[in-house]
Amino acid sequence: MDKFNFIDLFAGIVRKQTGNSVAIPVVHAIAEKMLQALKQCKPMIRPEEQLLLFENRINVYA
């Protein structure tokens, strides 16, 4: 009579089917945090004017 180790077989099948996937509760938790952030809808902070990085720009490609 042959003996089969179903636990190892099952774990191997699960690994092949899931690969590097993330557990569903983790995805659900991330989605909840994203929705909370979107509902807060804080306005973006914008500078009053664009600052120049180089006052004396030299055209290198001329």
N, C-alpha and C. Protein backbone atom coordinates (compact mmCIF):
# COMPACT_ATOMS: atom_id res chain seq x y z
N MET A 1 0.84 -1.18 0.00
CA MET A 1 0.00 0.00 0.00
C MET A 1 0.89 1.25 0.00
N ASP A 2 0.60 2.19 -0.87
CA ASP A 2 1.38 3.42 -0.97
C ASP A 2 0.87 4.45 0.03
N LYS A 3 1.81 5.23 0.53
CA LYS A 3 1.45 6.33 1.42
C LYS A 3 1.73 7.64 0.69
N PHE A 4 0.81 8.56 0.77
CA PHE A 4 0.97 9.87 0.15
C PHE A 4 0.96 10.93 1.25
N ASN A 5 1.82 11.87 1.12
CA ASN A 5 1.86 12.97 2.07
C ASN A 5 1.05 14.12 1.48
N PHE A 6 -0.21 14.20 1.85
CA PHE A 6 -1.11 15.19 1.27
C PHE A 6 -0.80 16.61 1.72
N ILE A 7 -0.22 16.75 2.90
CA ILE A 7 0.07 18.10 3.40
C ILE A 7 1.11 18.77 2.51
N ASP A 8 2.19 18.08 2.19
CA ASP A 8 3.21 18.66 1.32
C ASP A 8 2.67 18.88 -0.09
N LEU A 9 1.87 17.96 -0.57
CA LEU A 9 1.29 18.09 -1.90
C LEU A 9 0.38 19.31 -1.95
N PHE A 10 -0.46 19.48 -0.93
CA PHE A 10 -1.38 20.60 -0.89
C PHE A 10 -0.61 21.93 -0.82
N ALA A 11 0.41 21.98 0.02
CA ALA A 11 1.19 23.22 0.16
C ALA A 11 1.86 23.58 -1.16
N GLY A 12 2.36 22.57 -1.89
CA GLY A 12 2.99 22.83 -3.18
C GLY A 12 2.00 23.36 -4.20
N ILE A 13 0.81 22.80 -4.22
CA ILE A 13 -0.23 23.26 -5.16
C ILE A 13 -0.63 24.69 -4.83
N VAL A 14 -0.80 24.97 -3.55
CA VAL A 14 -1.17 26.33 -3.14
C VAL A 14 -0.08 27.32 -3.55
N ARG A 15 1.19 26.96 -3.34
CA ARG A 15 2.29 27.84 -3.72
C ARG A 15 2.31 28.10 -5.22
N LYS A 16 2.05 27.07 -6.01
CA LYS A 16 2.05 27.24 -7.47
C LYS A 16 0.91 28.15 -7.91
N GLN A 17 -0.24 28.02 -7.27
CA GLN A 17 -1.40 28.82 -7.68
C GLN A 17 -1.30 30.27 -7.20
N THR A 18 -0.73 30.47 -6.03
CA THR A 18 -0.68 31.83 -5.49
C THR A 18 0.59 32.57 -5.87
N GLY A 19 1.69 31.88 -6.05
CA GLY A 19 2.94 32.54 -6.40
C GLY A 19 3.34 33.56 -5.36
N ASN A 20 3.59 34.79 -5.78
CA ASN A 20 4.00 35.86 -4.86
C ASN A 20 2.82 36.75 -4.49
N SER A 21 1.63 36.23 -4.59
CA SER A 21 0.45 37.06 -4.32
C SER A 21 0.36 37.41 -2.84
N VAL A 22 -0.34 38.48 -2.57
CA VAL A 22 -0.53 38.96 -1.21
C VAL A 22 -1.87 38.46 -0.71
N ALA A 23 -1.94 38.18 0.55
CA ALA A 23 -3.19 37.69 1.13
C ALA A 23 -4.30 38.74 0.98
N ILE A 24 -5.52 38.27 0.78
CA ILE A 24 -6.66 39.16 0.55
C ILE A 24 -6.87 40.14 1.71
N PRO A 25 -6.73 39.73 2.98
CA PRO A 25 -6.90 40.72 4.05
C PRO A 25 -5.92 41.89 3.96
N VAL A 26 -4.72 41.64 3.47
CA VAL A 26 -3.74 42.72 3.33
C VAL A 26 -4.20 43.69 2.24
N VAL A 27 -4.66 43.18 1.12
CA VAL A 27 -5.15 44.03 0.03
C VAL A 27 -6.36 44.83 0.51
N HIS A 28 -7.23 44.20 1.27
CA HIS A 28 -8.42 44.88 1.79
C HIS A 28 -8.02 46.01 2.74
N ALA A 29 -7.05 45.77 3.60
CA ALA A 29 -6.60 46.80 4.54
C ALA A 29 -5.98 47.99 3.81
N ILE A 30 -5.21 47.72 2.78
CA ILE A 30 -4.60 48.80 2.00
C ILE A 30 -5.67 49.61 1.28
N ALA A 31 -6.66 48.92 0.72
CA ALA A 31 -7.75 49.61 0.02
C ALA A 31 -8.54 50.50 0.99
N GLU A 32 -8.76 50.02 2.21
CA GLU A 32 -9.47 50.83 3.21
C GLU A 32 -8.69 52.10 3.53
N LYS A 33 -7.38 51.99 3.69
CA LYS A 33 -6.55 53.17 3.98
C LYS A 33 -6.57 54.15 2.81
N MET A 34 -6.57 53.63 1.59
CA MET A 34 -6.62 54.50 0.41
C MET A 34 -7.94 55.26 0.37
N LEU A 35 -9.04 54.57 0.66
CA LEU A 35 -10.34 55.23 0.66
C LEU A 35 -10.42 56.30 1.75
N GLN A 36 -9.86 56.01 2.92
CA GLN A 36 -9.85 57.01 4.00
C GLN A 36 -9.07 58.25 3.57
N ALA A 37 -7.94 58.05 2.92
CA ALA A 37 -7.12 59.18 2.47
C ALA A 37 -7.85 60.00 1.41
N LEU A 38 -8.56 59.32 0.50
CA LEU A 38 -9.30 60.04 -0.54
C LEU A 38 -10.47 60.83 0.04
N LYS A 39 -11.10 60.30 1.09
CA LYS A 39 -12.23 61.00 1.69
C LYS A 39 -11.80 62.25 2.44
N GLN A 40 -10.56 62.28 2.93
CA GLN A 40 -10.07 63.47 3.63
C GLN A 40 -9.91 64.63 2.67
N CYS A 41 -9.44 64.37 1.48
CA CYS A 41 -9.36 65.34 0.38
C CYS A 41 -8.79 66.69 0.82
N LYS A 42 -7.58 66.68 1.34
CA LYS A 42 -6.92 67.92 1.72
C LYS A 42 -6.39 68.61 0.46
N PRO A 43 -6.48 69.94 0.39
CA PRO A 43 -5.96 70.63 -0.79
C PRO A 43 -4.43 70.54 -0.85
N MET A 44 -3.93 70.53 -2.06
CA MET A 44 -2.48 70.48 -2.25
C MET A 44 -1.84 71.78 -1.81
N ILE A 45 -0.66 71.69 -1.27
CA ILE A 45 0.10 72.88 -0.92
C ILE A 45 0.90 73.29 -2.15
N ARG A 46 0.70 74.51 -2.59
CA ARG A 46 1.39 75.00 -3.78
C ARG A 46 2.23 76.22 -3.42
N PRO A 47 3.42 76.28 -3.96
CA PRO A 47 4.24 77.48 -3.69
C PRO A 47 3.63 78.69 -4.38
N GLU A 48 3.89 79.87 -3.82
CA GLU A 48 3.33 81.08 -4.39
C GLU A 48 3.95 81.42 -5.73
N GLU A 49 5.21 81.09 -5.92
CA GLU A 49 5.85 81.36 -7.20
C GLU A 49 6.92 80.31 -7.46
N GLN A 50 7.23 80.12 -8.70
CA GLN A 50 8.27 79.17 -9.08
C GLN A 50 9.63 79.80 -8.84
N LEU A 51 10.49 79.09 -8.12
CA LEU A 51 11.83 79.60 -7.86
C LEU A 51 12.77 79.18 -8.97
N LEU A 52 13.69 80.07 -9.33
CA LEU A 52 14.68 79.75 -10.35
C LEU A 52 15.82 78.96 -9.72
N LEU A 53 16.22 77.89 -10.37
CA LEU A 53 17.34 77.11 -9.86
C LEU A 53 18.67 77.77 -10.20
N PHE A 54 18.75 78.34 -11.38
CA PHE A 54 19.98 78.98 -11.84
C PHE A 54 19.63 80.38 -12.33
N GLU A 55 20.20 81.38 -11.70
CA GLU A 55 19.90 82.75 -12.13
C GLU A 55 20.57 83.07 -13.45
N ASN A 56 21.81 82.66 -13.63
CA ASN A 56 22.54 82.91 -14.87
C ASN A 56 22.61 81.61 -15.66
N ARG A 57 21.59 81.35 -16.42
CA ARG A 57 21.56 80.10 -17.18
C ARG A 57 22.42 80.23 -18.42
N ILE A 58 23.23 79.25 -18.65
CA ILE A 58 24.09 79.20 -19.83
C ILE A 58 23.52 78.13 -20.75
N ASN A 59 23.33 78.49 -22.01
CA ASN A 59 22.81 77.53 -22.96
C ASN A 59 23.95 76.60 -23.39
N VAL A 60 23.96 75.42 -22.84
CA VAL A 60 25.03 74.46 -23.11
C VAL A 60 24.94 73.92 -24.52
N TYR A 61 23.74 73.85 -25.07
CA TYR A 61 23.53 73.22 -26.37
C TYR A 61 23.65 74.19 -27.54
N ALA A 62 24.00 75.45 -27.28
CA ALA A 62 24.08 76.44 -28.36
C ALA A 62 25.34 76.28 -29.17
